N, C-alpha and C. Protein backbone atom coordinates (compact mmCIF):
# COMPACT_ATOMS: atom_id res chain seq x y z
N MET A 1 113.30 118.46 108.90
CA MET A 1 112.51 117.97 107.79
C MET A 1 112.02 116.56 108.12
N THR A 2 110.80 116.30 107.74
CA THR A 2 110.19 114.99 107.97
C THR A 2 109.90 114.33 106.62
N ILE A 3 110.29 113.07 106.51
CA ILE A 3 110.06 112.33 105.27
C ILE A 3 109.39 110.99 105.58
N LEU A 4 108.72 110.46 104.57
CA LEU A 4 108.21 109.10 104.64
C LEU A 4 108.84 108.34 103.47
N LEU A 5 109.50 107.25 103.80
CA LEU A 5 110.17 106.45 102.77
C LEU A 5 109.24 105.41 102.17
N ASP A 6 109.23 105.35 100.87
CA ASP A 6 108.52 104.29 100.16
C ASP A 6 109.35 103.01 100.33
N THR A 7 108.69 101.89 100.29
CA THR A 7 109.34 100.60 100.51
C THR A 7 110.53 100.38 99.58
N ASN A 8 110.41 100.83 98.32
CA ASN A 8 111.49 100.57 97.36
C ASN A 8 112.80 101.22 97.77
N VAL A 9 112.74 102.37 98.43
CA VAL A 9 113.97 103.06 98.84
C VAL A 9 114.64 102.32 100.00
N ILE A 10 113.84 101.85 100.93
CA ILE A 10 114.39 101.09 102.07
C ILE A 10 115.05 99.81 101.56
N LEU A 11 114.37 99.12 100.64
CA LEU A 11 114.94 97.88 100.09
C LEU A 11 116.18 98.15 99.26
N ASP A 12 116.24 99.30 98.60
CA ASP A 12 117.46 99.66 97.86
C ASP A 12 118.66 99.64 98.80
N ALA A 13 118.49 100.26 99.97
CA ALA A 13 119.58 100.34 100.94
C ALA A 13 119.89 98.96 101.53
N LEU A 14 118.86 98.26 101.97
CA LEU A 14 119.06 96.99 102.66
C LEU A 14 119.62 95.89 101.76
N GLN A 15 119.14 95.86 100.54
CA GLN A 15 119.54 94.80 99.62
C GLN A 15 120.66 95.24 98.68
N GLU A 16 121.16 96.45 98.93
CA GLU A 16 122.26 97.00 98.13
C GLU A 16 121.97 96.89 96.63
N ARG A 17 120.79 97.36 96.26
CA ARG A 17 120.37 97.32 94.86
C ARG A 17 121.01 98.49 94.11
N GLN A 18 122.03 98.16 93.35
CA GLN A 18 122.79 99.18 92.65
C GLN A 18 122.06 99.64 91.40
N PRO A 19 122.15 100.86 91.02
CA PRO A 19 122.99 101.93 91.59
C PRO A 19 122.25 102.76 92.64
N PHE A 20 121.08 102.32 93.06
CA PHE A 20 120.21 103.12 93.93
C PHE A 20 120.59 103.07 95.40
N ASP A 21 121.40 102.09 95.78
CA ASP A 21 121.69 101.87 97.20
C ASP A 21 122.47 103.02 97.84
N VAL A 22 123.34 103.68 97.10
CA VAL A 22 124.18 104.73 97.68
C VAL A 22 123.32 105.87 98.22
N GLU A 23 122.39 106.35 97.40
CA GLU A 23 121.51 107.45 97.83
C GLU A 23 120.58 107.00 98.96
N ALA A 24 120.04 105.80 98.84
CA ALA A 24 119.14 105.29 99.87
C ALA A 24 119.86 105.17 101.22
N LYS A 25 121.08 104.64 101.20
CA LYS A 25 121.86 104.51 102.43
C LYS A 25 122.17 105.88 103.03
N GLU A 26 122.46 106.84 102.19
CA GLU A 26 122.76 108.20 102.66
C GLU A 26 121.55 108.81 103.37
N ILE A 27 120.37 108.59 102.83
CA ILE A 27 119.15 109.10 103.47
C ILE A 27 118.95 108.43 104.83
N LEU A 28 119.10 107.12 104.88
CA LEU A 28 118.93 106.41 106.16
C LEU A 28 119.97 106.88 107.18
N LEU A 29 121.18 107.11 106.74
CA LEU A 29 122.24 107.59 107.63
C LEU A 29 121.91 108.99 108.16
N ARG A 30 121.43 109.85 107.30
CA ARG A 30 121.07 111.21 107.74
C ARG A 30 119.92 111.18 108.75
N ALA A 31 119.02 110.23 108.58
CA ALA A 31 117.94 110.07 109.56
C ALA A 31 118.50 109.55 110.89
N GLN A 32 119.43 108.60 110.81
CA GLN A 32 120.07 108.08 112.03
C GLN A 32 120.81 109.19 112.78
N ASN A 33 121.41 110.11 112.03
CA ASN A 33 122.16 111.21 112.64
C ASN A 33 121.27 112.35 113.10
N GLY A 34 119.97 112.23 112.90
CA GLY A 34 119.03 113.25 113.38
C GLY A 34 118.86 114.45 112.46
N GLU A 35 119.41 114.39 111.27
CA GLU A 35 119.26 115.51 110.32
C GLU A 35 117.82 115.59 109.80
N ILE A 36 117.19 114.44 109.67
CA ILE A 36 115.80 114.38 109.20
C ILE A 36 115.05 113.37 110.06
N THR A 37 113.74 113.51 110.11
CA THR A 37 112.88 112.54 110.77
C THR A 37 112.33 111.63 109.70
N CYS A 38 112.49 110.34 109.90
CA CYS A 38 112.17 109.37 108.86
C CYS A 38 111.10 108.39 109.32
N TYR A 39 110.04 108.28 108.53
CA TYR A 39 108.95 107.34 108.78
C TYR A 39 108.87 106.31 107.67
N PHE A 40 108.27 105.18 107.98
CA PHE A 40 107.80 104.23 106.99
C PHE A 40 106.50 103.67 107.52
N THR A 41 105.66 103.13 106.63
CA THR A 41 104.35 102.66 107.06
C THR A 41 104.43 101.26 107.69
N ALA A 42 103.44 100.96 108.50
CA ALA A 42 103.38 99.64 109.13
C ALA A 42 103.29 98.53 108.08
N ASN A 43 102.56 98.78 107.00
CA ASN A 43 102.48 97.75 105.97
C ASN A 43 103.79 97.61 105.21
N ALA A 44 104.61 98.66 105.16
CA ALA A 44 105.95 98.54 104.57
C ALA A 44 106.79 97.59 105.40
N ALA A 45 106.59 97.61 106.72
CA ALA A 45 107.35 96.72 107.60
C ALA A 45 107.10 95.25 107.23
N THR A 46 105.85 94.91 106.97
CA THR A 46 105.55 93.52 106.61
C THR A 46 106.13 93.18 105.24
N ASP A 47 106.04 94.13 104.31
CA ASP A 47 106.60 93.90 102.97
C ASP A 47 108.12 93.72 103.03
N ILE A 48 108.77 94.57 103.79
CA ILE A 48 110.23 94.50 103.92
C ILE A 48 110.64 93.17 104.56
N PHE A 49 109.94 92.78 105.62
CA PHE A 49 110.25 91.52 106.29
C PHE A 49 110.12 90.36 105.30
N TYR A 50 109.03 90.33 104.56
CA TYR A 50 108.80 89.24 103.61
C TYR A 50 109.85 89.23 102.50
N LEU A 51 110.06 90.38 101.85
CA LEU A 51 110.98 90.44 100.71
C LEU A 51 112.43 90.23 101.11
N TYR A 52 112.82 90.81 102.24
CA TYR A 52 114.20 90.63 102.70
C TYR A 52 114.42 89.18 103.13
N GLY A 53 113.45 88.61 103.82
CA GLY A 53 113.55 87.22 104.24
C GLY A 53 113.62 86.26 103.07
N LYS A 54 112.86 86.57 102.02
CA LYS A 54 112.86 85.73 100.82
C LYS A 54 114.22 85.80 100.11
N ALA A 55 114.82 87.00 100.09
CA ALA A 55 116.11 87.17 99.44
C ALA A 55 117.26 86.62 100.28
N ARG A 56 117.10 86.65 101.60
CA ARG A 56 118.19 86.20 102.48
C ARG A 56 117.68 85.02 103.31
N ASP A 57 117.28 85.30 104.56
CA ASP A 57 116.75 84.27 105.45
C ASP A 57 115.94 84.93 106.56
N LEU A 58 115.19 84.14 107.30
CA LEU A 58 114.29 84.64 108.33
C LEU A 58 115.04 85.37 109.44
N LYS A 59 116.17 84.83 109.88
CA LYS A 59 116.94 85.46 110.95
C LYS A 59 117.42 86.85 110.53
N SER A 60 117.93 86.97 109.32
CA SER A 60 118.38 88.27 108.81
C SER A 60 117.22 89.24 108.68
N ALA A 61 116.07 88.75 108.23
CA ALA A 61 114.89 89.61 108.10
C ALA A 61 114.46 90.17 109.46
N LYS A 62 114.51 89.33 110.48
CA LYS A 62 114.16 89.80 111.83
C LYS A 62 115.15 90.85 112.31
N GLN A 63 116.43 90.62 112.09
CA GLN A 63 117.46 91.57 112.52
C GLN A 63 117.27 92.92 111.82
N VAL A 64 117.02 92.88 110.53
CA VAL A 64 116.82 94.11 109.76
C VAL A 64 115.58 94.85 110.26
N LEU A 65 114.51 94.13 110.49
CA LEU A 65 113.28 94.77 110.95
C LEU A 65 113.46 95.37 112.35
N VAL A 66 114.14 94.68 113.23
CA VAL A 66 114.42 95.24 114.57
C VAL A 66 115.22 96.53 114.42
N PHE A 67 116.22 96.52 113.56
CA PHE A 67 117.01 97.74 113.31
C PHE A 67 116.11 98.88 112.83
N LEU A 68 115.28 98.62 111.83
CA LEU A 68 114.41 99.66 111.29
C LEU A 68 113.44 100.20 112.35
N LEU A 69 112.88 99.28 113.13
CA LEU A 69 111.89 99.68 114.14
C LEU A 69 112.50 100.46 115.30
N THR A 70 113.76 100.24 115.58
CA THR A 70 114.40 100.96 116.67
C THR A 70 115.09 102.23 116.20
N THR A 71 115.27 102.38 114.89
CA THR A 71 116.00 103.53 114.36
C THR A 71 115.08 104.58 113.74
N TYR A 72 114.02 104.16 113.11
CA TYR A 72 113.11 105.06 112.41
C TYR A 72 111.71 104.94 112.99
N LYS A 73 110.81 105.78 112.54
CA LYS A 73 109.45 105.79 113.08
C LYS A 73 108.49 105.08 112.13
N VAL A 74 107.52 104.41 112.73
CA VAL A 74 106.50 103.71 111.95
C VAL A 74 105.19 104.46 112.10
N VAL A 75 104.53 104.68 110.98
CA VAL A 75 103.20 105.29 111.01
C VAL A 75 102.18 104.17 110.82
N SER A 76 101.18 104.17 111.69
CA SER A 76 100.15 103.14 111.62
C SER A 76 99.26 103.36 110.40
N VAL A 77 98.61 102.31 110.00
CA VAL A 77 97.65 102.36 108.91
C VAL A 77 96.30 101.94 109.49
N THR A 78 95.38 102.88 109.50
CA THR A 78 94.08 102.63 110.13
C THR A 78 92.98 102.43 109.08
N HIS A 79 91.84 102.04 109.58
CA HIS A 79 90.65 101.90 108.73
C HIS A 79 90.36 103.23 108.03
N ASP A 80 90.39 104.32 108.78
CA ASP A 80 90.11 105.64 108.20
C ASP A 80 91.15 106.02 107.14
N ASP A 81 92.40 105.64 107.36
CA ASP A 81 93.44 105.90 106.36
C ASP A 81 93.11 105.19 105.05
N CYS A 82 92.66 103.96 105.16
CA CYS A 82 92.29 103.20 103.96
C CYS A 82 91.12 103.85 103.24
N ILE A 83 90.13 104.29 103.99
CA ILE A 83 88.98 104.99 103.39
C ILE A 83 89.45 106.27 102.71
N ASN A 84 90.29 107.04 103.39
CA ASN A 84 90.80 108.30 102.82
C ASN A 84 91.62 108.06 101.56
N ALA A 85 92.37 106.97 101.55
CA ALA A 85 93.19 106.66 100.38
C ALA A 85 92.34 106.41 99.14
N MET A 86 91.14 105.91 99.35
CA MET A 86 90.24 105.63 98.22
C MET A 86 89.78 106.93 97.54
N SER A 87 89.83 108.05 98.25
CA SER A 87 89.34 109.30 97.68
C SER A 87 90.43 110.13 97.01
N ILE A 88 91.66 109.68 97.06
CA ILE A 88 92.77 110.40 96.44
C ILE A 88 92.87 109.98 94.96
N PRO A 89 93.12 110.94 94.07
CA PRO A 89 93.20 110.59 92.65
C PRO A 89 94.51 109.92 92.25
N ILE A 90 94.83 108.83 92.95
CA ILE A 90 96.00 108.02 92.64
C ILE A 90 95.49 106.60 92.41
N GLU A 91 95.79 106.04 91.24
CA GLU A 91 95.26 104.72 90.89
C GLU A 91 95.80 103.61 91.76
N ASP A 92 97.07 103.65 92.10
CA ASP A 92 97.70 102.61 92.91
C ASP A 92 97.30 102.82 94.37
N PHE A 93 96.55 101.87 94.92
CA PHE A 93 96.03 102.02 96.29
C PHE A 93 97.17 102.13 97.30
N GLU A 94 98.23 101.35 97.13
CA GLU A 94 99.35 101.42 98.08
C GLU A 94 99.98 102.82 98.08
N ASP A 95 100.16 103.41 96.91
CA ASP A 95 100.71 104.76 96.82
C ASP A 95 99.77 105.77 97.47
N ALA A 96 98.47 105.61 97.24
CA ALA A 96 97.49 106.51 97.86
C ALA A 96 97.54 106.39 99.38
N LEU A 97 97.68 105.18 99.87
CA LEU A 97 97.75 104.95 101.32
C LEU A 97 99.02 105.56 101.91
N VAL A 98 100.14 105.43 101.22
CA VAL A 98 101.38 106.05 101.67
C VAL A 98 101.20 107.56 101.73
N SER A 99 100.52 108.12 100.74
CA SER A 99 100.27 109.57 100.72
C SER A 99 99.44 110.01 101.92
N VAL A 100 98.41 109.26 102.23
CA VAL A 100 97.57 109.57 103.40
C VAL A 100 98.39 109.51 104.68
N CYS A 101 99.21 108.49 104.80
CA CYS A 101 100.05 108.33 106.00
C CYS A 101 101.09 109.45 106.10
N ALA A 102 101.65 109.85 104.98
CA ALA A 102 102.62 110.95 104.98
C ALA A 102 101.97 112.24 105.44
N LYS A 103 100.78 112.49 104.96
CA LYS A 103 100.05 113.69 105.38
C LYS A 103 99.74 113.63 106.87
N LYS A 104 99.38 112.44 107.34
CA LYS A 104 99.03 112.25 108.76
C LYS A 104 100.18 112.61 109.69
N VAL A 105 101.42 112.30 109.29
CA VAL A 105 102.58 112.59 110.15
C VAL A 105 103.22 113.94 109.84
N GLY A 106 102.62 114.67 108.90
CA GLY A 106 103.16 115.99 108.56
C GLY A 106 104.46 115.92 107.77
N ALA A 107 104.62 114.89 106.96
CA ALA A 107 105.84 114.74 106.17
C ALA A 107 105.96 115.85 105.14
N ASP A 108 107.17 116.31 104.96
CA ASP A 108 107.44 117.30 103.92
C ASP A 108 107.53 116.63 102.55
N TYR A 109 108.04 115.40 102.54
CA TYR A 109 108.22 114.66 101.29
C TYR A 109 108.00 113.17 101.51
N ILE A 110 107.55 112.53 100.43
CA ILE A 110 107.58 111.08 100.31
C ILE A 110 108.76 110.80 99.38
N ILE A 111 109.62 109.88 99.78
CA ILE A 111 110.79 109.56 98.98
C ILE A 111 110.55 108.22 98.29
N SER A 112 110.58 108.25 96.96
CA SER A 112 110.29 107.06 96.17
C SER A 112 111.02 107.11 94.84
N ARG A 113 111.22 105.93 94.27
CA ARG A 113 111.75 105.84 92.91
C ARG A 113 110.68 105.38 91.93
N ASP A 114 109.48 105.23 92.38
CA ASP A 114 108.37 104.76 91.55
C ASP A 114 107.99 105.88 90.56
N ASP A 115 108.32 105.68 89.29
CA ASP A 115 108.09 106.70 88.27
C ASP A 115 106.65 107.18 88.22
N LYS A 116 105.71 106.26 88.27
CA LYS A 116 104.30 106.64 88.20
C LYS A 116 103.90 107.45 89.43
N TYR A 117 104.35 107.03 90.58
CA TYR A 117 104.04 107.72 91.84
C TYR A 117 104.59 109.15 91.81
N LEU A 118 105.77 109.31 91.22
CA LEU A 118 106.39 110.64 91.13
C LEU A 118 105.55 111.59 90.28
N ARG A 119 104.76 111.04 89.37
CA ARG A 119 103.92 111.87 88.49
C ARG A 119 102.50 112.04 89.01
N ASP A 120 102.09 111.22 89.98
CA ASP A 120 100.71 111.27 90.50
C ASP A 120 100.48 112.53 91.32
N HIS A 121 99.24 112.70 91.74
CA HIS A 121 98.82 113.89 92.47
C HIS A 121 98.66 113.59 93.96
N SER A 122 99.77 113.41 94.61
CA SER A 122 99.78 113.12 96.03
C SER A 122 99.60 114.41 96.82
N PRO A 123 98.90 114.34 97.95
CA PRO A 123 98.77 115.54 98.81
C PRO A 123 100.10 115.93 99.46
N VAL A 124 101.06 115.02 99.46
CA VAL A 124 102.42 115.30 99.94
C VAL A 124 103.35 115.09 98.75
N LYS A 125 104.24 116.02 98.52
CA LYS A 125 105.14 115.94 97.35
C LYS A 125 105.98 114.66 97.38
N VAL A 126 106.02 113.99 96.25
CA VAL A 126 106.82 112.78 96.09
C VAL A 126 108.08 113.18 95.32
N THR A 127 109.24 112.81 95.86
CA THR A 127 110.51 113.15 95.23
C THR A 127 111.45 111.96 95.28
N GLU A 128 112.41 111.97 94.39
CA GLU A 128 113.40 110.89 94.33
C GLU A 128 114.48 111.10 95.38
N PRO A 129 115.16 110.02 95.77
CA PRO A 129 116.23 110.14 96.76
C PRO A 129 117.28 111.19 96.39
N LYS A 130 117.71 111.20 95.13
CA LYS A 130 118.76 112.16 94.72
C LYS A 130 118.30 113.60 94.91
N ASP A 131 117.02 113.87 94.65
CA ASP A 131 116.50 115.24 94.80
C ASP A 131 116.41 115.64 96.27
N LEU A 132 116.07 114.69 97.13
CA LEU A 132 116.06 114.99 98.56
C LEU A 132 117.47 115.32 99.03
N LEU A 133 118.44 114.54 98.61
CA LEU A 133 119.83 114.79 99.03
C LEU A 133 120.32 116.14 98.54
N LEU A 134 119.90 116.56 97.36
CA LEU A 134 120.26 117.90 96.87
C LEU A 134 119.66 118.98 97.76
N LYS A 135 118.39 118.80 98.14
CA LYS A 135 117.73 119.77 99.03
C LYS A 135 118.45 119.84 100.39
N LEU A 136 118.82 118.70 100.92
CA LEU A 136 119.50 118.66 102.21
C LEU A 136 120.88 119.33 102.13
N THR A 137 121.55 119.12 101.02
CA THR A 137 122.87 119.74 100.83
C THR A 137 122.75 121.26 100.74
N LYS A 138 121.74 121.74 100.04
CA LYS A 138 121.51 123.18 99.91
C LYS A 138 121.17 123.83 101.24
N ASN A 139 120.45 123.07 102.09
CA ASN A 139 120.01 123.62 103.38
C ASN A 139 121.07 123.55 104.47
N SER A 140 122.18 122.87 104.21
CA SER A 140 123.19 122.74 105.28
C SER A 140 124.33 123.70 105.13
């Protein structure tokens, strides 16, 4: 199974944002163990670096980003992706762009806790971390 993680899920795990961190960490661990293929967008990398660095420090932000880049896959964001995102019926441009990137890598799911995104019409199904973990448990 291939997934694309929304920035909020990655930050839940990294910043131990309770009560969401347990499920987020479990997803990252399953990706590390090769149970699933896990992507995040290149622009998520910059957001994570900035937000994590602001909450902690620059050295920690670099260490976390190196870990993410060596453990999971990054999907690029191109000019065409941005154009394509404009044509998706999702009001939030960032969510539309994540959807385009997920489709580009053949993701089965986008994992997010964003309530509005979960209700939008993404070309790739958006599901919450807990629902992904239930699917993985059923399939094992």
